[in-house]
Amino acid sequence: MTPLTITMHALDNVAIVANDGGLPAGTVLSSGQTLKDKVPQGHKVALQDIPKDAPVLRYGIPIGFANESISAGAWVHERLLQMPSARGLTDLPMATVQAVATSDAELAKMRSFTFEGYCNADGSVGTRNILAITQTVQCVAGVTDFAVQRIKAELLPLYPNVDDVVSLAHTYGCGVAIDAPGAEIPIRTLRNISTNPNFGGEVMVVSLGCEKLQPARLFPIGSIPISVHTAPVEVSNQGLGQAQPERSLNLGFDHVCLQDAQHVGFMSMIESVMATAKIHLERLNKRRRETVPASALVVGVQCGGSDAFSGVTANPAVGFCTDLLVKAGASVMFSETTEVRDGIAQLTSRASSPEVAQQLIDEMAWYDAYLKRGSVDRSANTTPGNKAGGLSNIVEKAMGSIVKSGTSHISNVLSPGEKLKHKGLTYAATPASDFICGTLQVAAGMNLHVFTTGRGTPYGLAAVPVIKVATRTDLAKRWHDLMDINAGTIADGSKTIADVGWEMFHLMLDVASGRKKTWAEQWKLHNALVLFNPAPVT
């Protein structure tokens, strides 16, 4: 076996082992060191003697300080490292990175890409045509789920142009301090999820009747533009779309309240939900895909079950694709606050303006305070699986996570639960939890999701297609019917980061057009929505 190791920066004094199964003690590396220990795949080996208290460098930055002297050829794992303190949020570089010039020819090429999408009255574009049923409270979840199963079995086959019917179930709505600071986050999240582009402007609500989150509070008057489905939408490269006021009427929403006196028995409730759903299905069924520019894509990027290869293969490929999407005029969101916190100086320097840089700082400060209230810090992020995959701590993880954002200017910042209003690269502040992050990106208006993984996860969303990217060839082969792209080919040397980035871009257009389904869609692997609620539960 030829020993394979990967370094990320000329200053690095560690490398990761790339061989499947790792390398045994006694192996002589191409750089001349002899392994003193068996080193698992993805884990670090010292390239030189590292004295006690000296920095251990990966990505050219200290990911930790040696707790003891480490000899060249030794396995460098988390127990040998003292994690650096978090970077302060003062004296940061503010919008100092100059934009990389893009030629007119390259811009014209990227702006020429199109996909087949569903145009909405507000100028947004869906990649799927789905009826979503919003719930105000967890109490109605069982009834709604029963109704959805009947709708799928009895009604959906009658409407072949509708892709699916989904229940927007969650655990919020009652038993909560609904007026407390932070309570606005889950409320606006659910409101904005309900108007995701993939739902075609059809808002249908099931409530119980006595819950704290009353429908009128969830959807204040005028908050929902309902499509009347007339002329096609003109999609703009400058904004999310050209809103057509004559096609967007504040008609409110269709509402089924289970405690209404008209409901006599369980089946009465079910029939009411089905009758209301039928109205929306008929409208959705009249919709057809139209050719729209790639600028109508709203892509959320995320990683979960990360390993040391995440920052070497999959995430850099996503970053390359992110730059392609931005050049095409599309919208891309990256998130996961604790997984970018240690790269805050990189982010503020790439901000498009000092104002955007300050918004980044404000979101980091808010989350620092949130963690402090819970008596934890950012180190609580790294999971046992991350460490088993070679990530020693959150600093190392962050350096590999942040590269998903590519190199473009960060032009916009969203607080949790807010809806995206601008194109380009956006930092959407979310927790790093896969399920909460995905939920908040759906609320922001994501119509396509890219999710990288090294350890492996069957994560999926009902509302939005999820393209899964494996960091390692071993994972891609073992989970051949769960992973959509194998970025492990980068570590193998058979493909470049650019090769995989372009592969990802073209797959996005095919998935967005409905020409291809992701594995998660084929198997109907749908994780539950998890609303971020920093307010107390009563």
Protein backbone atom coordinates (compact mmCIF):
# COMPACT_ATOMS: atom_id res chain seq x y z
CA MET A 1 0.00 0.00 0.00
CA THR A 2 1.35 3.39 -1.00
CA PRO A 3 1.02 5.77 1.96
CA LEU A 4 -1.12 8.79 1.13
CA THR A 5 -1.13 11.92 3.27
CA ILE A 6 -2.65 15.36 2.70
CA THR A 7 -1.47 18.74 3.92
CA MET A 8 -3.55 21.90 3.45
CA HIS A 9 -0.94 24.67 3.79
CA ALA A 10 2.81 25.09 3.45
CA LEU A 11 3.03 26.03 7.15
CA ASP A 12 1.27 22.87 8.38
CA ASN A 13 3.21 20.66 10.78
CA VAL A 14 0.63 17.86 10.55
CA ALA A 15 -0.91 15.93 7.67
CA ILE A 16 -3.94 13.65 7.53
CA VAL A 17 -3.75 10.02 6.45
CA ALA A 18 -5.85 9.41 3.33
CA ASN A 19 -5.57 5.62 2.98
CA ASP A 20 -8.70 3.54 3.59
CA GLY A 21 -8.28 1.83 6.94
CA GLY A 22 -5.44 4.15 7.93
CA LEU A 23 -1.75 3.19 8.13
CA PRO A 24 0.06 0.84 10.54
CA ALA A 25 2.94 1.80 12.79
CA GLY A 26 6.27 1.53 11.01
CA THR A 27 4.96 2.88 7.71
CA VAL A 28 7.43 5.22 6.03
CA LEU A 29 5.70 8.26 4.56
CA SER A 30 6.73 9.87 1.29
CA SER A 31 7.84 12.89 3.32
CA GLY A 32 10.31 10.65 5.20
CA GLN A 33 8.67 10.21 8.62
CA THR A 34 8.15 6.76 10.08
CA LEU A 35 4.81 6.29 11.83
CA LYS A 36 5.28 5.64 15.53
CA ASP A 37 1.61 4.69 15.95
CA LYS A 38 -1.18 3.20 13.90
CA VAL A 39 -2.97 6.24 12.48
CA PRO A 40 -6.64 5.88 11.41
CA GLN A 41 -7.86 7.29 8.11
CA GLY A 42 -8.49 11.04 8.35
CA HIS A 43 -6.38 11.45 11.48
CA LYS A 44 -3.30 13.60 11.80
CA VAL A 45 0.35 12.63 11.89
CA ALA A 46 3.11 14.97 13.05
CA LEU A 47 5.45 15.96 10.24
CA GLN A 48 8.07 17.26 12.67
CA ASP A 49 8.78 17.32 16.38
CA ILE A 50 6.25 19.60 18.10
CA PRO A 51 7.37 20.85 21.56
CA LYS A 52 4.97 21.08 24.48
CA ASP A 53 2.77 24.20 24.24
CA ALA A 54 3.76 24.77 20.60
CA PRO A 55 0.98 25.32 18.04
CA VAL A 56 -0.27 22.41 15.93
CA LEU A 57 -0.86 23.90 12.50
CA ARG A 58 -3.44 22.77 9.95
CA TYR A 59 -4.86 25.05 7.24
CA GLY A 60 -1.89 27.25 8.21
CA ILE A 61 -3.47 28.22 11.55
CA PRO A 62 -3.17 26.85 15.10
CA ILE A 63 -5.92 24.28 15.64
CA GLY A 64 -4.52 23.62 19.12
CA PHE A 65 -1.46 23.66 21.34
CA ALA A 66 0.44 20.53 22.28
CA ASN A 67 -0.31 19.27 25.81
CA GLU A 68 2.99 17.36 25.67
CA SER A 69 5.92 16.98 23.32
CA ILE A 70 4.89 15.22 20.11
CA SER A 71 7.48 13.38 18.01
CA ALA A 72 7.56 13.41 14.23
CA GLY A 73 5.56 10.41 12.98
CA ALA A 74 3.27 10.33 16.02
CA TRP A 75 -0.52 10.22 15.86
CA VAL A 76 -1.87 13.67 16.76
CA HIS A 77 -5.35 13.29 18.28
CA GLU A 78 -7.67 15.50 20.31
CA ARG A 79 -6.33 14.34 23.70
CA LEU A 80 -2.95 15.85 22.84
CA LEU A 81 -4.36 19.29 22.02
CA GLN A 82 -5.41 22.30 24.06
CA MET A 83 -8.01 24.19 22.04
CA PRO A 84 -7.26 27.86 21.32
CA SER A 85 -9.50 30.53 22.79
CA ALA A 86 -12.17 31.97 20.53
CA ARG A 87 -11.17 34.97 18.44
CA GLY A 88 -12.50 38.18 19.95
CA LEU A 89 -15.15 40.16 18.11
CA THR A 90 -13.25 43.45 18.14
CA ASP A 91 -10.50 44.81 15.91
CA LEU A 92 -11.56 42.59 13.02
CA PRO A 93 -10.81 43.29 9.36
CA MET A 94 -13.94 44.94 7.95
CA ALA A 95 -14.65 44.42 4.23
CA THR A 96 -10.98 44.44 3.33
CA VAL A 97 -10.91 41.76 0.61
CA GLN A 98 -11.22 43.11 -2.90
CA ALA A 99 -13.67 41.40 -5.22
CA VAL A 100 -12.06 39.12 -7.79
CA ALA A 101 -12.80 40.47 -11.23
CA THR A 102 -14.88 38.21 -13.47
CA SER A 103 -14.62 38.68 -17.22
CA ASP A 104 -17.69 39.62 -19.23
CA ALA A 105 -17.32 36.38 -21.18
CA GLU A 106 -17.34 34.28 -18.02
CA LEU A 107 -20.33 36.14 -16.61
CA ALA A 108 -22.19 35.73 -19.90
CA LYS A 109 -21.45 32.00 -19.85
CA MET A 110 -22.71 31.57 -16.29
CA ARG A 111 -25.79 33.74 -16.87
CA SER A 112 -26.72 31.54 -19.85
CA PHE A 113 -27.50 28.48 -17.71
CA THR A 114 -31.16 27.69 -17.14
CA PHE A 115 -33.43 25.16 -15.47
CA GLU A 116 -37.11 24.28 -15.60
CA GLY A 117 -38.90 25.66 -12.55
CA TYR A 118 -42.31 26.71 -11.23
CA CYS A 119 -42.75 30.49 -11.26
CA ASN A 120 -44.53 32.11 -8.31
CA ALA A 121 -46.45 35.34 -7.99
CA ASP A 122 -43.84 36.93 -5.72
CA GLY A 123 -41.04 36.39 -8.26
CA SER A 124 -39.59 33.31 -6.57
CA VAL A 125 -39.24 29.99 -8.37
CA GLY A 126 -39.91 26.51 -7.08
CA THR A 127 -37.97 23.39 -7.97
CA ARG A 128 -40.90 21.23 -6.86
CA ASN A 129 -44.70 21.67 -6.88
CA ILE A 130 -45.82 20.64 -3.40
CA LEU A 131 -48.91 21.17 -1.26
CA ALA A 132 -47.76 21.98 2.27
CA ILE A 133 -50.14 21.88 5.23
CA THR A 134 -49.01 24.18 8.03
CA GLN A 135 -49.78 23.33 11.65
CA THR A 136 -50.01 25.89 14.42
CA VAL A 137 -49.35 23.36 17.17
CA GLN A 138 -48.03 19.83 17.72
CA CYS A 139 -51.45 18.76 19.10
CA VAL A 140 -52.89 18.48 15.57
CA ALA A 141 -49.98 16.47 14.13
CA GLY A 142 -51.67 13.08 14.39
CA VAL A 143 -54.86 14.26 12.73
CA THR A 144 -52.97 16.07 9.99
CA ASP A 145 -50.74 13.08 9.33
CA PHE A 146 -53.79 10.80 9.03
CA ALA A 147 -55.37 13.23 6.59
CA VAL A 148 -52.17 13.55 4.55
CA GLN A 149 -51.95 9.78 4.14
CA ARG A 150 -55.50 9.73 2.79
CA ILE A 151 -54.81 12.72 0.54
CA LYS A 152 -51.81 10.94 -0.92
CA ALA A 153 -53.72 7.73 -1.46
CA GLU A 154 -57.05 9.12 -2.70
CA LEU A 155 -56.52 12.63 -4.08
CA LEU A 156 -52.90 13.05 -5.18
CA PRO A 157 -53.17 10.49 -8.05
CA LEU A 158 -55.87 12.73 -9.55
CA TYR A 159 -53.43 15.64 -9.79
CA PRO A 160 -50.38 14.35 -11.70
CA ASN A 161 -48.65 17.75 -11.83
CA VAL A 162 -48.41 17.95 -8.04
CA ASP A 163 -45.26 16.32 -6.71
CA ASP A 164 -46.25 15.68 -3.10
CA VAL A 165 -48.30 16.65 -0.08
CA VAL A 166 -46.32 17.38 3.09
CA SER A 167 -47.28 18.14 6.65
CA LEU A 168 -45.28 20.95 8.27
CA ALA A 169 -45.23 19.28 11.67
CA HIS A 170 -43.19 20.71 14.53
CA THR A 171 -43.08 20.69 18.32
CA TYR A 172 -43.95 24.34 18.89
CA GLY A 173 -47.21 26.25 19.35
CA CYS A 174 -48.25 25.86 22.98
CA GLY A 175 -46.70 25.37 26.42
CA VAL A 176 -44.20 28.06 25.50
CA ALA A 177 -43.46 31.61 26.66
CA ILE A 178 -44.81 33.04 23.44
CA ASP A 179 -44.04 36.69 24.28
CA ALA A 180 -40.57 36.10 25.67
CA PRO A 181 -37.42 37.47 23.98
CA GLY A 182 -36.48 35.03 21.25
CA ALA A 183 -40.02 33.68 20.79
CA GLU A 184 -40.32 35.61 17.55
CA ILE A 185 -37.74 33.27 15.97
CA PRO A 186 -39.85 30.08 15.76
CA ILE A 187 -42.97 32.06 14.82
CA ARG A 188 -41.39 33.82 11.86
CA THR A 189 -39.62 30.59 10.91
CA LEU A 190 -42.90 28.69 10.58
CA ARG A 191 -44.52 31.62 8.77
CA ASN A 192 -41.70 31.80 6.25
CA ILE A 193 -41.52 28.03 5.77
CA SER A 194 -45.19 28.11 4.77
CA THR A 195 -44.38 30.42 1.86
CA ASN A 196 -41.31 28.53 0.60
CA PRO A 197 -41.06 28.74 -3.22
CA ASN A 198 -41.69 25.00 -3.56
CA PHE A 199 -45.21 25.43 -2.14
CA GLY A 200 -46.50 27.65 -4.93
CA GLY A 201 -48.10 30.31 -2.72
CA GLU A 202 -50.79 27.92 -1.50
CA VAL A 203 -51.11 28.38 2.28
CA MET A 204 -53.29 25.93 4.17
CA VAL A 205 -53.38 25.81 7.98
CA VAL A 206 -54.65 23.24 10.48
CA SER A 207 -55.06 24.50 14.05
CA LEU A 208 -56.51 23.09 17.25
CA GLY A 209 -58.18 26.26 18.52
CA CYS A 210 -56.91 26.80 22.06
CA GLU A 211 -53.16 27.00 21.39
CA LYS A 212 -50.99 30.01 22.16
CA LEU A 213 -49.84 30.31 18.55
CA GLN A 214 -53.16 31.37 17.07
CA PRO A 215 -53.41 31.42 13.24
CA ALA A 216 -53.89 35.19 13.23
CA ARG A 217 -50.64 35.56 15.14
CA LEU A 218 -48.79 33.19 12.84
CA PHE A 219 -50.13 34.94 9.74
CA PRO A 220 -50.99 38.60 10.45
CA ILE A 221 -53.21 40.29 7.87
CA GLY A 222 -51.28 41.02 4.71
CA SER A 223 -48.39 38.69 5.51
CA ILE A 224 -49.22 36.10 2.84
CA PRO A 225 -49.30 36.90 -0.86
CA ILE A 226 -51.54 34.26 -2.46
CA SER A 227 -50.94 33.45 -6.11
CA VAL A 228 -53.86 33.74 -8.51
CA HIS A 229 -51.91 31.83 -11.18
CA THR A 230 -52.18 33.93 -14.29
CA ALA A 231 -49.31 35.18 -16.44
CA PRO A 232 -45.79 33.72 -16.06
CA VAL A 233 -43.36 35.45 -13.73
CA GLU A 234 -40.45 37.43 -15.13
CA VAL A 235 -37.40 36.30 -13.18
CA SER A 236 -34.69 38.92 -12.72
CA ASN A 237 -30.95 38.48 -12.32
CA GLN A 238 -30.86 41.51 -10.04
CA GLY A 239 -33.44 40.66 -7.42
CA LEU A 240 -35.06 37.45 -6.29
CA GLY A 241 -37.65 38.19 -8.95
CA GLN A 242 -39.90 40.90 -10.25
CA ALA A 243 -42.97 40.83 -8.03
CA GLN A 244 -46.25 41.19 -9.89
CA PRO A 245 -48.64 43.08 -7.55
CA GLU A 246 -51.63 42.37 -9.80
CA ARG A 247 -50.95 38.66 -9.33
CA SER A 248 -50.41 38.81 -5.58
CA LEU A 249 -53.54 39.34 -3.50
CA ASN A 250 -53.65 39.34 0.29
CA LEU A 251 -56.45 36.82 0.47
CA GLY A 252 -55.40 35.31 3.80
CA PHE A 253 -55.20 31.54 4.08
CA ASP A 254 -57.41 28.47 4.19
CA HIS A 255 -57.85 27.35 7.77
CA VAL A 256 -59.25 24.19 9.37
CA CYS A 257 -59.78 24.45 13.16
CA LEU A 258 -60.31 21.07 14.78
CA GLN A 259 -62.20 22.48 17.78
CA ASP A 260 -64.84 24.15 15.59
CA ALA A 261 -68.36 23.03 16.49
CA GLN A 262 -68.94 21.83 12.91
CA HIS A 263 -66.58 18.92 13.51
CA VAL A 264 -68.53 16.00 14.94
CA GLY A 265 -66.12 13.11 15.31
CA PHE A 266 -62.68 12.36 13.97
CA MET A 267 -63.75 11.66 10.39
CA SER A 268 -65.43 15.04 10.20
CA MET A 269 -62.04 16.63 10.86
CA ILE A 270 -60.35 14.46 8.23
CA GLU A 271 -62.97 15.22 5.60
CA SER A 272 -62.64 18.96 6.27
CA VAL A 273 -58.86 18.81 5.81
CA MET A 274 -59.25 16.77 2.61
CA ALA A 275 -61.88 19.09 1.15
CA THR A 276 -59.67 22.11 1.79
CA ALA A 277 -56.63 20.32 0.35
CA LYS A 278 -58.57 19.53 -2.82
CA ILE A 279 -59.01 23.24 -3.56
CA HIS A 280 -55.27 23.80 -3.35
CA LEU A 281 -54.41 20.66 -5.31
CA GLU A 282 -56.60 21.82 -8.18
CA ARG A 283 -54.74 25.11 -8.38
CA LEU A 284 -51.30 23.55 -8.04
CA ASN A 285 -52.12 21.00 -10.73
CA LYS A 286 -52.52 23.80 -13.30
CA ARG A 287 -48.91 24.86 -12.84
CA ARG A 288 -46.25 23.89 -15.37
CA ARG A 289 -42.48 24.13 -15.40
CA GLU A 290 -41.03 27.07 -17.30
CA THR A 291 -37.49 27.80 -18.47
CA VAL A 292 -35.89 30.20 -16.00
CA PRO A 293 -32.30 31.41 -15.52
CA ALA A 294 -30.05 29.67 -13.01
CA SER A 295 -30.20 32.93 -11.07
CA ALA A 296 -33.57 31.70 -9.72
CA LEU A 297 -31.82 29.02 -7.65
CA VAL A 298 -31.74 29.58 -3.89
CA VAL A 299 -29.25 27.03 -2.59
CA GLY A 300 -28.56 26.22 1.03
CA VAL A 301 -25.24 24.51 1.78
CA GLN A 302 -24.62 22.54 4.94
CA CYS A 303 -22.45 19.74 6.34
CA GLY A 304 -23.25 17.00 8.84
CA GLY A 305 -21.42 13.95 10.12
CA SER A 306 -18.23 15.80 9.18
CA ASP A 307 -14.76 14.27 9.14
CA ALA A 308 -11.25 15.44 8.35
CA PHE A 309 -11.95 14.99 4.63
CA SER A 310 -14.87 17.43 4.71
CA GLY A 311 -12.49 20.37 4.46
CA VAL A 312 -10.32 18.59 1.87
CA THR A 313 -12.80 17.26 -0.69
CA ALA A 314 -16.55 17.87 -0.39
CA ASN A 315 -16.62 21.32 1.18
CA PRO A 316 -14.00 22.83 -1.18
CA ALA A 317 -16.00 21.40 -4.11
CA VAL A 318 -19.14 23.00 -2.70
CA GLY A 319 -17.19 26.25 -2.34
CA PHE A 320 -16.15 26.09 -5.99
CA CYS A 321 -19.79 25.49 -6.95
CA THR A 322 -20.88 28.35 -4.69
CA ASP A 323 -18.68 30.70 -6.69
CA LEU A 324 -20.22 29.38 -9.94
CA LEU A 325 -23.72 29.98 -8.60
CA VAL A 326 -22.90 33.54 -7.48
CA LYS A 327 -21.49 34.30 -10.93
CA ALA A 328 -24.70 32.91 -12.42
CA GLY A 329 -26.64 35.45 -10.35
CA ALA A 330 -28.11 32.87 -7.95
CA SER A 331 -28.54 32.97 -4.18
CA VAL A 332 -26.41 30.79 -1.89
CA MET A 333 -26.70 30.53 1.89
CA PHE A 334 -24.11 29.10 4.24
CA SER A 335 -24.83 28.82 7.96
CA GLU A 336 -23.91 26.96 11.16
CA THR A 337 -22.72 29.66 13.54
CA THR A 338 -20.49 27.57 15.79
CA GLU A 339 -18.86 26.05 12.71
CA VAL A 340 -17.76 29.41 11.31
CA ARG A 341 -17.23 31.32 14.57
CA ASP A 342 -13.50 30.56 14.59
CA GLY A 343 -13.20 31.97 11.08
CA ILE A 344 -14.91 35.27 11.89
CA ALA A 345 -11.93 37.29 10.65
CA GLN A 346 -12.18 35.53 7.28
CA LEU A 347 -15.87 36.37 7.10
CA THR A 348 -15.69 40.04 8.09
CA SER A 349 -12.83 40.60 5.66
CA ARG A 350 -14.94 39.11 2.83
CA ALA A 351 -18.01 41.21 3.65
CA SER A 352 -19.21 43.42 0.82
CA SER A 353 -19.34 46.43 3.16
CA PRO A 354 -18.48 47.39 6.74
CA GLU A 355 -22.20 47.28 7.51
CA VAL A 356 -22.43 43.63 6.43
CA ALA A 357 -19.26 42.87 8.43
CA GLN A 358 -20.90 44.37 11.52
CA GLN A 359 -24.02 42.26 10.96
CA LEU A 360 -21.79 39.16 10.96
CA ILE A 361 -20.23 40.27 14.23
CA ASP A 362 -23.65 40.95 15.74
CA GLU A 363 -24.87 37.43 14.90
CA MET A 364 -21.74 35.86 16.41
CA ALA A 365 -22.11 37.98 19.55
CA TRP A 366 -25.77 37.00 19.91
CA TYR A 367 -24.87 33.33 19.67
CA ASP A 368 -21.93 33.67 22.08
CA ALA A 369 -24.38 35.10 24.62
CA TYR A 370 -26.91 32.35 23.89
CA LEU A 371 -24.32 29.64 24.56
CA LYS A 372 -23.11 31.43 27.68
CA ARG A 373 -26.64 31.39 29.10
CA GLY A 374 -26.54 27.61 28.74
CA SER A 375 -23.11 27.43 30.44
CA VAL A 376 -21.44 26.00 27.33
CA ASP A 377 -19.20 27.37 24.61
CA ARG A 378 -18.48 26.55 20.98
CA SER A 379 -16.53 23.41 21.98
CA ALA A 380 -19.87 21.70 22.68
CA ASN A 381 -20.32 21.39 18.92
CA THR A 382 -17.83 18.66 17.97
CA THR A 383 -19.45 15.21 18.11
CA PRO A 384 -17.92 11.80 18.88
CA GLY A 385 -18.30 10.99 15.18
CA ASN A 386 -16.43 14.13 14.16
CA LYS A 387 -13.55 13.11 16.43
CA ALA A 388 -13.59 9.54 15.18
CA GLY A 389 -13.30 10.99 11.67
CA GLY A 390 -10.17 12.92 12.59
CA LEU A 391 -11.50 16.33 13.68
CA SER A 392 -9.86 17.16 16.99
CA ASN A 393 -11.96 20.20 17.92
CA ILE A 394 -14.25 22.92 16.66
CA VAL A 395 -11.37 25.07 15.40
CA GLU A 396 -10.24 22.36 12.98
CA LYS A 397 -13.86 21.64 12.07
CA ALA A 398 -14.58 25.32 11.42
CA MET A 399 -11.66 25.71 9.04
CA GLY A 400 -13.02 22.85 6.95
CA SER A 401 -16.63 24.01 7.19
CA ILE A 402 -16.18 27.61 6.14
CA VAL A 403 -14.78 26.70 2.72
CA LYS A 404 -18.31 25.78 1.60
CA SER A 405 -18.84 29.53 1.23
CA GLY A 406 -16.32 29.79 -1.59
CA THR A 407 -14.48 33.04 -2.22
CA SER A 408 -17.21 35.52 -3.17
CA HIS A 409 -18.10 38.61 -1.20
CA ILE A 410 -20.65 38.02 1.57
CA SER A 411 -23.39 40.42 0.55
CA ASN A 412 -26.15 39.70 3.05
CA VAL A 413 -26.73 38.42 6.60
CA LEU A 414 -29.96 36.84 7.88
CA SER A 415 -31.00 36.37 11.48
CA PRO A 416 -32.63 33.01 12.33
CA GLY A 417 -36.02 32.56 10.68
CA GLU A 418 -35.79 35.55 8.35
CA LYS A 419 -36.60 35.31 4.64
CA LEU A 420 -33.96 35.99 2.00
CA LYS A 421 -34.43 39.19 0.01
CA HIS A 422 -31.15 39.49 -1.88
CA LYS A 423 -29.11 37.49 -4.34
CA GLY A 424 -25.43 36.58 -4.03
CA LEU A 425 -23.74 34.96 -1.05
CA THR A 426 -25.59 35.18 2.27
CA TYR A 427 -24.65 34.17 5.77
CA ALA A 428 -27.87 32.80 7.27
CA ALA A 429 -27.25 32.58 11.02
CA THR A 430 -28.39 29.21 12.38
CA PRO A 431 -27.32 26.67 14.96
CA ALA A 432 -25.12 23.92 13.54
CA SER A 433 -27.72 21.21 14.24
CA ASP A 434 -28.48 19.58 10.88
CA PHE A 435 -32.23 19.60 11.42
CA ILE A 436 -32.51 23.16 12.78
CA CYS A 437 -30.15 24.56 10.16
CA GLY A 438 -32.07 22.87 7.35
CA THR A 439 -35.38 24.11 8.77
CA LEU A 440 -34.13 27.70 8.95
CA GLN A 441 -32.75 27.55 5.41
CA VAL A 442 -36.15 26.31 4.18
CA ALA A 443 -37.70 29.30 5.96
CA ALA A 444 -35.22 31.62 4.26
CA GLY A 445 -36.54 30.46 0.88
CA MET A 446 -34.16 27.68 -0.12
CA ASN A 447 -35.38 25.71 -3.14
CA LEU A 448 -32.39 23.33 -3.36
CA HIS A 449 -30.11 21.92 -0.65
CA VAL A 450 -26.54 20.59 -0.77
CA PHE A 451 -25.38 18.53 2.18
CA THR A 452 -21.88 17.12 2.64
CA THR A 453 -21.00 14.23 4.94
CA GLY A 454 -17.93 12.19 5.84
CA ARG A 455 -19.27 9.83 8.49
CA GLY A 456 -22.55 9.37 6.61
CA THR A 457 -26.11 10.45 7.35
CA PRO A 458 -29.41 9.63 5.61
CA TYR A 459 -30.64 13.22 6.20
CA GLY A 460 -33.31 14.54 3.85
CA LEU A 461 -36.08 17.14 3.66
CA ALA A 462 -39.63 16.75 2.38
CA ALA A 463 -39.88 20.37 1.23
CA VAL A 464 -36.67 20.66 -0.78
CA PRO A 465 -34.48 18.23 -2.79
CA VAL A 466 -31.26 17.42 -0.90
CA ILE A 467 -28.11 16.59 -2.88
CA LYS A 468 -25.81 14.49 -0.68
CA VAL A 469 -22.05 14.69 -1.19
CA ALA A 470 -19.69 12.08 0.26
CA THR A 471 -16.26 13.23 1.38
CA ARG A 472 -14.67 9.79 0.92
CA THR A 473 -14.80 7.14 -1.81
CA ASP A 474 -15.23 4.42 0.81
CA LEU A 475 -18.44 6.06 2.05
CA ALA A 476 -19.70 6.71 -1.49
CA LYS A 477 -19.24 3.02 -2.37
CA ARG A 478 -20.78 1.63 0.82
CA TRP A 479 -23.70 4.09 0.70
CA HIS A 480 -23.98 3.96 -3.08
CA ASP A 481 -27.75 4.46 -3.01
CA LEU A 482 -27.71 7.35 -0.53
CA MET A 483 -24.88 9.58 -1.80
CA ASP A 484 -25.48 11.61 -4.97
CA ILE A 485 -21.88 12.78 -5.54
CA ASN A 486 -18.54 11.25 -4.57
CA ALA A 487 -16.08 14.02 -3.69
CA GLY A 488 -13.65 11.36 -2.46
CA THR A 489 -12.35 11.29 -6.02
CA ILE A 490 -10.49 14.49 -5.13
CA ALA A 491 -8.48 12.71 -2.43
CA ASP A 492 -8.00 9.74 -4.76
CA GLY A 493 -6.50 12.07 -7.35
CA SER A 494 -8.90 11.00 -10.11
CA LYS A 495 -10.76 14.35 -10.12
CA THR A 496 -10.00 17.92 -9.17
CA ILE A 497 -12.01 20.24 -6.92
CA ALA A 498 -13.12 22.05 -10.07
CA ASP A 499 -14.23 18.77 -11.71
CA VAL A 500 -16.48 17.91 -8.76
CA GLY A 501 -17.69 21.51 -8.45
CA TRP A 502 -18.88 21.52 -12.05
CA GLU A 503 -20.42 18.07 -11.61
CA MET A 504 -22.36 19.45 -8.66
CA PHE A 505 -23.49 22.54 -10.60
CA HIS A 506 -24.89 20.50 -13.50
CA LEU A 507 -26.56 18.05 -11.13
CA MET A 508 -28.23 21.00 -9.38
CA LEU A 509 -29.77 22.14 -12.68
CA ASP A 510 -31.01 18.62 -13.43
CA VAL A 511 -32.47 18.14 -9.94
CA ALA A 512 -34.02 21.62 -9.92
CA SER A 513 -35.65 20.85 -13.28
CA GLY A 514 -37.11 17.57 -12.08
CA ARG A 515 -35.06 15.63 -14.63
CA LYS A 516 -33.33 13.78 -11.79
CA LYS A 517 -34.32 12.87 -8.25
CA THR A 518 -31.88 12.74 -5.39
CA TRP A 519 -31.52 9.50 -3.46
CA ALA A 520 -33.22 11.07 -0.46
CA GLU A 521 -36.19 11.89 -2.70
CA GLN A 522 -36.31 8.41 -4.18
CA TRP A 523 -36.36 6.76 -0.75
CA LYS A 524 -38.55 9.53 0.73
CA LEU A 525 -36.07 10.13 3.56
CA HIS A 526 -37.56 13.16 5.27
CA ASN A 527 -36.30 14.47 8.59
CA ALA A 528 -38.71 16.38 10.81
CA LEU A 529 -38.71 20.15 10.92
CA VAL A 530 -37.09 21.44 14.10
CA LEU A 531 -37.88 25.04 14.98
CA PHE A 532 -35.18 26.99 16.80
CA ASN A 533 -36.75 28.28 20.02
CA PRO A 534 -34.32 30.09 22.35
CA ALA A 535 -37.23 31.26 24.55
CA PRO A 536 -38.34 29.36 27.69
CA VAL A 537 -40.85 26.52 27.71
CA THR A 538 -43.46 27.03 30.39
